[in-house]
Structure formats: structure tokens, C-alpha cells
Amino acid sequence: MDNTWQVEFRNVGCSYFPQSRVDCHFTLSAQHKWASSDWVGLFKLGLLRSLAQHGL
């Protein structure tokens, strides 16, 4: 599996206020090839670990 990051998020804040607007800026690498199943997700810190523990 290729470990090269293909999405780079820019201007990411350390924290955000609840109910505040969040702008998401990102850049895709030139090597990225789009597929119909591609998606970019934003998750609360720790969510991926929780999903991995449940096998999702």
C-alpha cells in the first residue's frame, strides 16, 4: 500500500468553537487519480481509533 499522502489540508485550526463556521481547504497531489468512490472526510480526533477498534 502506498503511504504517500494524496490530500493535504491547509489552514487547519487547533480548535474550533461549537456551532461556528469551518472552511475546509485542501490540495490533492498531482498523482491522485479520481474514482467514483473517492471522498474526503473530517473526523473528530480519536474517531478513527474508535472505528478501528470496532473493525469498521
N, C-alpha and C. Protein backbone atom coordinates (compact mmCIF):
# COMPACT_ATOMS: atom_id res chain seq x y z
N MET A 1 0.85 -1.19 0.00
CA MET A 1 0.00 0.00 0.00
C MET A 1 0.88 1.24 0.00
N ASP A 2 0.53 2.21 -0.80
CA ASP A 2 1.28 3.45 -0.90
C ASP A 2 0.94 4.35 0.28
N ASN A 3 1.95 4.77 1.04
CA ASN A 3 1.72 5.61 2.21
C ASN A 3 1.85 7.09 1.90
N THR A 4 1.97 7.46 0.63
CA THR A 4 2.08 8.85 0.26
C THR A 4 0.74 9.54 0.44
N TRP A 5 0.75 10.66 1.16
CA TRP A 5 -0.49 11.41 1.36
C TRP A 5 -0.91 12.03 0.04
N GLN A 6 -2.16 11.86 -0.33
CA GLN A 6 -2.65 12.43 -1.56
C GLN A 6 -3.55 13.63 -1.33
N VAL A 7 -3.91 13.88 -0.09
CA VAL A 7 -4.69 15.07 0.27
C VAL A 7 -3.93 15.80 1.36
N GLU A 8 -3.71 17.10 1.16
CA GLU A 8 -3.05 17.93 2.17
C GLU A 8 -4.03 19.02 2.60
N PHE A 9 -4.36 19.04 3.89
CA PHE A 9 -5.26 20.07 4.42
C PHE A 9 -4.44 21.30 4.76
N ARG A 10 -4.99 22.48 4.47
CA ARG A 10 -4.31 23.74 4.72
C ARG A 10 -5.16 24.61 5.64
N ASN A 11 -4.49 25.49 6.38
CA ASN A 11 -5.16 26.44 7.28
C ASN A 11 -6.07 25.74 8.29
N VAL A 12 -5.56 24.69 8.89
CA VAL A 12 -6.33 23.92 9.87
C VAL A 12 -6.10 24.53 11.25
N GLY A 13 -7.17 24.89 11.93
CA GLY A 13 -7.06 25.46 13.26
C GLY A 13 -6.80 24.38 14.31
N CYS A 14 -6.27 24.79 15.45
CA CYS A 14 -6.04 23.84 16.55
C CYS A 14 -7.35 23.46 17.22
N SER A 15 -8.31 24.38 17.22
CA SER A 15 -9.62 24.10 17.80
C SER A 15 -10.64 25.04 17.17
N TYR A 16 -11.90 24.69 17.35
CA TYR A 16 -13.00 25.48 16.79
C TYR A 16 -14.09 25.60 17.84
N PHE A 17 -14.83 26.71 17.80
CA PHE A 17 -15.95 26.89 18.71
C PHE A 17 -17.15 26.10 18.20
N PRO A 18 -17.94 25.53 19.12
CA PRO A 18 -19.15 24.82 18.69
C PRO A 18 -20.07 25.75 17.89
N GLN A 19 -20.73 25.20 16.92
CA GLN A 19 -21.68 25.92 16.07
C GLN A 19 -21.03 27.02 15.23
N SER A 20 -19.71 27.00 15.09
CA SER A 20 -19.04 28.01 14.27
C SER A 20 -18.80 27.47 12.86
N ARG A 21 -18.65 28.38 11.93
CA ARG A 21 -18.40 28.01 10.54
C ARG A 21 -16.96 27.53 10.41
N VAL A 22 -16.76 26.47 9.66
CA VAL A 22 -15.42 25.93 9.41
C VAL A 22 -15.23 25.84 7.90
N ASP A 23 -14.20 26.50 7.40
CA ASP A 23 -13.85 26.38 5.99
C ASP A 23 -12.79 25.31 5.85
N CYS A 24 -12.95 24.46 4.88
CA CYS A 24 -12.00 23.36 4.64
C CYS A 24 -11.25 23.62 3.34
N HIS A 25 -9.94 23.78 3.45
CA HIS A 25 -9.09 24.00 2.28
C HIS A 25 -8.16 22.81 2.16
N PHE A 26 -8.08 22.23 0.98
CA PHE A 26 -7.19 21.10 0.78
C PHE A 26 -6.64 21.10 -0.63
N THR A 27 -5.52 20.41 -0.79
CA THR A 27 -4.85 20.27 -2.08
C THR A 27 -4.68 18.79 -2.35
N LEU A 28 -4.98 18.38 -3.57
CA LEU A 28 -4.76 16.99 -3.99
C LEU A 28 -3.42 16.90 -4.70
N SER A 29 -2.69 15.82 -4.45
CA SER A 29 -1.40 15.63 -5.12
C SER A 29 -1.62 15.41 -6.61
N ALA A 30 -0.62 15.72 -7.39
CA ALA A 30 -0.70 15.56 -8.85
C ALA A 30 -0.85 14.09 -9.23
N GLN A 31 -0.43 13.17 -8.36
CA GLN A 31 -0.51 11.74 -8.64
C GLN A 31 -1.90 11.17 -8.41
N HIS A 32 -2.78 11.95 -7.79
CA HIS A 32 -4.12 11.43 -7.46
C HIS A 32 -4.92 11.16 -8.72
N LYS A 33 -5.52 10.01 -8.77
CA LYS A 33 -6.43 9.62 -9.86
C LYS A 33 -7.82 9.46 -9.26
N TRP A 34 -8.77 10.25 -9.73
CA TRP A 34 -10.13 10.22 -9.18
C TRP A 34 -10.83 8.91 -9.49
N ALA A 35 -11.62 8.47 -8.54
CA ALA A 35 -12.50 7.32 -8.71
C ALA A 35 -13.87 7.73 -8.18
N SER A 36 -14.91 7.09 -8.64
CA SER A 36 -16.26 7.47 -8.22
C SER A 36 -16.49 7.24 -6.73
N SER A 37 -15.67 6.41 -6.10
CA SER A 37 -15.84 6.13 -4.67
C SER A 37 -14.97 7.02 -3.78
N ASP A 38 -14.22 7.97 -4.35
CA ASP A 38 -13.35 8.85 -3.56
C ASP A 38 -14.17 9.78 -2.67
N TRP A 39 -13.65 10.07 -1.50
CA TRP A 39 -14.26 11.02 -0.60
C TRP A 39 -13.19 11.59 0.32
N VAL A 40 -13.44 12.77 0.85
CA VAL A 40 -12.56 13.41 1.83
C VAL A 40 -13.40 13.59 3.08
N GLY A 41 -12.91 13.07 4.21
CA GLY A 41 -13.68 13.14 5.44
C GLY A 41 -12.98 13.94 6.53
N LEU A 42 -13.76 14.59 7.35
CA LEU A 42 -13.27 15.29 8.53
C LEU A 42 -13.86 14.59 9.75
N PHE A 43 -13.00 14.19 10.66
CA PHE A 43 -13.43 13.44 11.83
C PHE A 43 -12.92 14.08 13.10
N LYS A 44 -13.70 13.97 14.14
CA LYS A 44 -13.25 14.39 15.46
C LYS A 44 -12.04 13.54 15.83
N LEU A 45 -11.04 14.16 16.42
CA LEU A 45 -9.83 13.45 16.82
C LEU A 45 -10.19 12.26 17.68
N GLY A 46 -9.68 11.09 17.33
CA GLY A 46 -9.94 9.88 18.08
C GLY A 46 -10.99 8.99 17.44
N LEU A 47 -11.77 9.51 16.51
CA LEU A 47 -12.83 8.72 15.89
C LEU A 47 -12.26 7.55 15.10
N LEU A 48 -11.18 7.76 14.37
CA LEU A 48 -10.61 6.68 13.56
C LEU A 48 -10.13 5.54 14.44
N ARG A 49 -9.55 5.85 15.58
CA ARG A 49 -9.11 4.81 16.51
C ARG A 49 -10.31 4.01 17.01
N SER A 50 -11.39 4.71 17.32
CA SER A 50 -12.60 4.05 17.78
C SER A 50 -13.19 3.15 16.70
N LEU A 51 -13.22 3.61 15.46
CA LEU A 51 -13.72 2.79 14.36
C LEU A 51 -12.85 1.56 14.16
N ALA A 52 -11.54 1.73 14.26
CA ALA A 52 -10.62 0.61 14.07
C ALA A 52 -10.84 -0.45 15.15
N GLN A 53 -11.11 -0.03 16.38
CA GLN A 53 -11.34 -0.97 17.46
C GLN A 53 -12.60 -1.80 17.22
N HIS A 54 -13.56 -1.24 16.48
CA HIS A 54 -14.80 -1.95 16.18
C HIS A 54 -14.76 -2.64 14.83
N GLY A 55 -13.60 -2.61 14.17
CA GLY A 55 -13.45 -3.29 12.90
C GLY A 55 -14.15 -2.61 11.74
N LEU A 56 -14.37 -1.32 11.83
CA LEU A 56 -15.05 -0.58 10.75
C LEU A 56 -14.05 0.13 9.88
